[in-house]
Amino acid sequence: MSALDMLEDGFPHGTVDGYTAGCRTNHCPAPIRCAVFKRRYDSDYGFRKRVDAGWTVEQIAAADAEAAAVALAAERAARDAQRQAERRARQAENSRAHRARKPGSGGAGKAWRPEELEQIRTMHAAGDSDADIAKALGRPVTSTRDRRDGLGLPRNPKRRVIRHGTRGGYDMGCRDDSCPVTPSCGTEGRTYYRELSAKHRRLRGEPVHSDRMTCRRGHELTPDNVFVKNDGRRRCATCRDMQNAAWNEKRRAAA
């Protein structure tokens, strides 16, 4: 049989007869090449039973593809299960190492004493945060937080430090007469934003109403009590002298 005969439509590609007729190369157009078909027919009992039962080469190729997909899925599942088992083993090992940590190593392994628990309750009631309580007890913040959760106490937000008598204190909410410093945060904040508004008006070329007769502390702005800074703004000389005197007194006290 010539090679031209194997190109005819009726040639039995993908069969034992095709192999016997001379189709033994990789150019076989069947889903299972004749050479592979012949080798599997001779060595694979299950394959031979399918062929003898009348399965076509297309049906056998489809069954092979389905079996390969099932095997691939099983392999992936086994690999994922192995990875999960290894992860659980590492977690268990880390947990055992954590429980075996000696007391006193960073404060995490020490048992909590009743007086420490009482101190947590007291400081929490006073509004202290987890970081404040941990610092006072010499414990890690995470361990202190877990113990506070175990006591059923809600989390206190981190307290902000208000610098009274400043614009920052005004921004943080100190705006009424309860400020313990003179001038108060409200006075400093309102003065700052009033001057900022005037600055923006000057930049926009708008008129600025700066004809006040007294300063923010109530001092009369007479020609003798006013000096002009380098930025062109007027300042109260009495306030300046009071501030300088306060600074000098602070330096003498520090010395």
Protein backbone atom coordinates (compact mmCIF):
# COMPACT_ATOMS: atom_id res chain seq x y z
CA MET A 1 0.00 0.00 0.00
CA SER A 2 1.32 3.44 -0.95
CA ALA A 3 1.25 6.63 1.08
CA LEU A 4 -1.46 7.99 -1.24
CA ASP A 5 -3.78 5.21 -0.18
CA MET A 6 -3.57 6.43 3.46
CA LEU A 7 -4.94 9.81 2.36
CA GLU A 8 -8.22 8.37 1.12
CA ASP A 9 -11.36 9.02 3.15
CA GLY A 10 -12.05 5.37 3.79
CA PHE A 11 -8.65 4.54 5.28
CA PRO A 12 -9.10 3.03 8.80
CA HIS A 13 -7.06 5.54 10.79
CA GLY A 14 -7.06 5.04 14.53
CA THR A 15 -7.42 1.28 14.38
CA VAL A 16 -5.27 -1.84 14.46
CA ASP A 17 -6.07 -2.35 10.77
CA GLY A 18 -4.70 1.10 10.01
CA TYR A 19 -1.45 0.20 11.73
CA THR A 20 -1.28 -3.10 9.83
CA ALA A 21 -1.94 -1.24 6.56
CA GLY A 22 1.12 0.95 7.12
CA CYS A 23 0.00 4.06 9.11
CA ARG A 24 2.75 4.18 11.69
CA THR A 25 3.88 7.83 11.76
CA ASN A 26 2.99 10.87 13.84
CA HIS A 27 0.95 12.29 10.94
CA CYS A 28 -2.01 10.03 11.57
CA PRO A 29 -5.15 12.27 11.64
CA ALA A 30 -7.10 10.11 14.11
CA PRO A 31 -7.63 11.24 17.76
CA ILE A 32 -5.50 8.24 18.75
CA ARG A 33 -2.74 7.54 16.24
CA CYS A 34 -2.64 4.09 14.72
CA ALA A 35 0.74 3.29 16.30
CA VAL A 36 -0.52 4.27 19.78
CA PHE A 37 -3.78 2.45 19.18
CA LYS A 38 -1.93 -0.76 18.28
CA ARG A 39 0.41 -0.50 21.29
CA ARG A 40 -2.46 0.08 23.74
CA TYR A 41 -4.52 -2.69 22.18
CA ASP A 42 -1.70 -5.14 22.76
CA SER A 43 -0.83 -4.04 26.32
CA ASP A 44 -4.00 -2.59 27.92
CA TYR A 45 -6.74 -5.10 28.72
CA GLY A 46 -9.34 -2.42 29.45
CA PHE A 47 -8.56 -0.68 26.19
CA ARG A 48 -8.90 -3.95 24.28
CA LYS A 49 -12.29 -4.66 25.89
CA ARG A 50 -13.59 -1.30 24.72
CA VAL A 51 -12.37 -1.87 21.19
CA ASP A 52 -13.84 -5.37 21.08
CA ALA A 53 -17.12 -4.02 22.46
CA GLY A 54 -17.41 -1.71 19.46
CA TRP A 55 -16.22 1.63 20.86
CA THR A 56 -15.07 4.06 18.20
CA VAL A 57 -11.76 5.86 18.43
CA GLU A 58 -13.60 9.13 19.13
CA GLN A 59 -15.47 7.58 22.08
CA ILE A 60 -12.26 6.14 23.49
CA ALA A 61 -10.47 9.52 23.13
CA ALA A 62 -13.37 11.30 24.91
CA ALA A 63 -13.24 8.74 27.75
CA ASP A 64 -9.49 9.21 28.01
CA ALA A 65 -9.91 13.01 28.25
CA GLU A 66 -12.57 12.67 30.97
CA ALA A 67 -10.41 10.27 32.97
CA ALA A 68 -7.44 12.66 32.66
CA ALA A 69 -9.58 15.56 33.95
CA VAL A 70 -10.75 13.47 36.93
CA ALA A 71 -7.17 12.46 37.71
CA LEU A 72 -5.98 16.07 37.49
CA ALA A 73 -8.75 17.24 39.85
CA ALA A 74 -7.88 14.47 42.31
CA GLU A 75 -4.20 15.42 42.16
CA ARG A 76 -4.99 19.09 42.86
CA ALA A 77 -7.28 18.15 45.74
CA ALA A 78 -4.58 15.94 47.26
CA ARG A 79 -1.99 18.71 46.88
CA ASP A 80 -4.31 21.26 48.52
CA ALA A 81 -5.07 18.85 51.36
CA GLN A 82 -1.36 18.30 51.92
CA ARG A 83 -0.72 22.05 52.03
CA GLN A 84 -3.54 22.56 54.54
CA ALA A 85 -2.20 19.74 56.70
CA GLU A 86 1.28 21.29 56.65
CA ARG A 87 -0.17 24.70 57.53
CA ARG A 88 -2.12 23.25 60.47
CA ALA A 89 1.00 21.46 61.64
CA ARG A 90 2.98 24.73 61.58
CA GLN A 91 0.22 26.54 63.45
CA ALA A 92 0.11 23.80 66.09
CA GLU A 93 3.89 23.95 66.46
CA ASN A 94 3.81 27.73 66.87
CA SER A 95 1.03 27.40 69.42
CA ARG A 96 3.02 24.86 71.43
CA ALA A 97 6.10 27.08 71.29
CA HIS A 98 4.04 30.05 72.49
CA ARG A 99 2.61 28.10 75.43
CA ALA A 100 6.06 26.83 76.33
CA ARG A 101 7.51 30.36 76.50
CA LYS A 102 9.13 31.02 79.83
CA PRO A 103 7.42 33.47 82.21
CA GLY A 104 8.86 36.94 82.13
CA SER A 105 9.86 36.96 78.45
CA GLY A 106 8.29 40.25 77.40
CA GLY A 107 5.46 39.87 79.87
CA ALA A 108 3.42 37.61 77.55
CA GLY A 109 4.03 34.37 79.42
CA LYS A 110 3.45 35.61 82.95
CA ALA A 111 0.24 34.68 84.68
CA TRP A 112 -2.09 37.58 85.42
CA ARG A 113 -2.29 38.39 89.10
CA PRO A 114 -5.57 39.49 90.73
CA GLU A 115 -4.12 42.92 91.52
CA GLU A 116 -3.25 43.40 87.86
CA LEU A 117 -6.79 42.57 86.82
CA GLU A 118 -8.11 45.05 89.38
CA GLN A 119 -5.72 47.69 88.01
CA ILE A 120 -7.06 47.06 84.51
CA ARG A 121 -10.61 47.65 85.75
CA THR A 122 -9.61 50.80 87.62
CA MET A 123 -7.61 52.35 84.76
CA HIS A 124 -10.26 51.39 82.23
CA ALA A 125 -12.93 53.11 84.31
CA ALA A 126 -10.72 56.23 84.37
CA GLY A 127 -10.72 56.27 80.55
CA ASP A 128 -7.20 54.95 79.95
CA SER A 129 -6.52 53.19 76.66
CA ASP A 130 -5.02 49.71 76.22
CA ALA A 131 -1.62 51.28 75.53
CA ASP A 132 -1.76 53.31 78.76
CA ILE A 133 -2.74 50.25 80.79
CA ALA A 134 -0.06 48.08 79.18
CA LYS A 135 2.61 50.69 79.88
CA ALA A 136 1.59 50.92 83.53
CA LEU A 137 1.60 47.13 83.95
CA GLY A 138 4.74 46.47 81.91
CA ARG A 139 2.80 44.13 79.64
CA PRO A 140 2.51 43.88 75.83
CA VAL A 141 -0.39 45.85 74.39
CA THR A 142 -1.83 42.79 72.62
CA SER A 143 -1.81 40.70 75.80
CA THR A 144 -3.39 43.56 77.76
CA ARG A 145 -6.05 44.01 75.11
CA ASP A 146 -6.92 40.30 75.17
CA ARG A 147 -7.14 40.34 78.97
CA ARG A 148 -9.36 43.45 78.87
CA ASP A 149 -11.60 41.70 76.34
CA GLY A 150 -11.70 38.66 78.62
CA LEU A 151 -12.97 40.87 81.43
CA GLY A 152 -15.84 42.02 79.22
CA LEU A 153 -14.70 45.66 79.13
CA PRO A 154 -15.18 47.73 75.95
CA ARG A 155 -12.23 49.39 74.26
CA ASN A 156 -11.40 52.93 75.32
CA PRO A 157 -10.21 55.21 72.50
CA LYS A 158 -6.71 56.58 72.72
CA ARG A 159 -6.81 59.82 74.67
CA ARG A 160 -5.59 62.93 72.92
CA VAL A 161 -3.39 65.39 74.77
CA ILE A 162 -4.80 68.91 74.50
CA ARG A 163 -2.31 71.76 74.66
CA HIS A 164 -4.47 74.39 76.30
CA GLY A 165 -4.04 78.00 75.35
CA THR A 166 -3.22 77.19 71.70
CA ARG A 167 -4.99 77.05 68.39
CA GLY A 168 -4.38 73.27 68.40
CA GLY A 169 -6.46 73.00 71.56
CA TYR A 170 -9.22 74.93 69.81
CA ASP A 171 -9.11 72.50 66.89
CA MET A 172 -9.37 69.55 69.31
CA GLY A 173 -12.60 70.91 70.81
CA CYS A 174 -11.58 73.21 73.72
CA ARG A 175 -13.69 76.23 72.78
CA ASP A 176 -15.59 77.33 75.89
CA ASP A 177 -14.80 78.96 79.23
CA SER A 178 -13.63 75.66 80.77
CA CYS A 179 -10.11 76.11 79.36
CA PRO A 180 -7.69 76.34 82.32
CA VAL A 181 -5.28 78.71 80.53
CA THR A 182 -5.48 82.44 79.80
CA PRO A 183 -5.77 83.35 76.97
CA SER A 184 -7.99 80.34 76.34
CA CYS A 185 -7.98 77.97 73.40
CA GLY A 186 -11.16 79.62 72.14
CA THR A 187 -9.54 83.06 72.12
CA GLU A 188 -6.40 81.82 70.38
CA GLY A 189 -8.33 79.79 67.83
CA ARG A 190 -10.81 82.51 66.92
CA THR A 191 -8.00 85.07 66.63
CA TYR A 192 -5.99 82.77 64.36
CA TYR A 193 -8.84 82.05 62.00
CA ARG A 194 -9.95 85.69 61.97
CA GLU A 195 -6.44 86.77 60.97
CA LEU A 196 -6.26 83.95 58.41
CA SER A 197 -9.50 85.15 56.87
CA ALA A 198 -8.12 88.70 56.72
CA LYS A 199 -4.97 87.42 55.03
CA HIS A 200 -7.00 85.66 52.35
CA ARG A 201 -9.09 88.76 51.81
CA ARG A 202 -5.94 90.81 51.30
CA LEU A 203 -4.65 88.25 48.79
CA ARG A 204 -7.92 88.47 46.89
CA GLY A 205 -7.75 92.26 46.93
CA GLU A 206 -10.81 92.61 49.16
CA PRO A 207 -11.10 95.20 51.95
CA VAL A 208 -10.09 94.11 55.44
CA HIS A 209 -11.82 95.57 58.47
CA SER A 210 -8.93 96.11 60.87
CA ASP A 211 -10.15 99.22 62.64
CA ARG A 212 -10.63 97.55 66.03
CA MET A 213 -10.01 99.86 68.98
CA THR A 214 -8.92 97.10 71.39
CA CYS A 215 -6.82 93.97 71.09
CA ARG A 216 -8.13 90.47 71.82
CA ARG A 217 -7.19 90.87 75.49
CA GLY A 218 -9.00 94.19 75.81
CA HIS A 219 -6.01 96.58 75.65
CA GLU A 220 -6.74 99.88 73.93
CA LEU A 221 -4.98 100.16 70.58
CA THR A 222 -3.70 103.70 70.87
CA PRO A 223 -0.80 104.92 68.69
CA ASP A 224 1.55 104.47 71.67
CA ASN A 225 0.33 100.89 72.26
CA VAL A 226 0.60 99.60 68.68
CA PHE A 227 3.58 98.35 66.73
CA VAL A 228 3.64 96.95 63.19
CA LYS A 229 5.33 93.61 62.45
CA ASN A 230 7.28 92.79 59.31
CA ASP A 231 4.17 91.28 57.69
CA GLY A 232 2.34 94.59 58.00
CA ARG A 233 -0.05 93.53 60.76
CA ARG A 234 -0.63 95.57 63.88
CA ARG A 235 0.14 94.17 67.29
CA CYS A 236 -0.56 95.22 70.85
CA ALA A 237 2.60 96.40 72.62
CA THR A 238 1.14 95.62 76.06
CA CYS A 239 0.48 92.02 75.06
CA ARG A 240 4.03 91.77 73.74
CA ASP A 241 5.49 93.07 76.99
CA MET A 242 3.34 90.67 79.04
CA GLN A 243 4.44 87.74 76.93
CA ASN A 244 8.10 88.70 77.22
CA ALA A 245 7.74 89.03 80.99
CA ALA A 246 6.14 85.59 81.22
CA TRP A 247 8.96 84.06 79.19
CA ASN A 248 11.62 85.71 81.35
CA GLU A 249 9.93 84.48 84.52
CA LYS A 250 9.79 80.94 83.11
CA ARG A 251 13.50 81.04 82.30
CA ARG A 252 14.38 82.27 85.78
CA ALA A 253 12.26 79.53 87.33
CA ALA A 254 13.95 76.90 85.16
CA ALA A 255 17.40 78.20 86.09
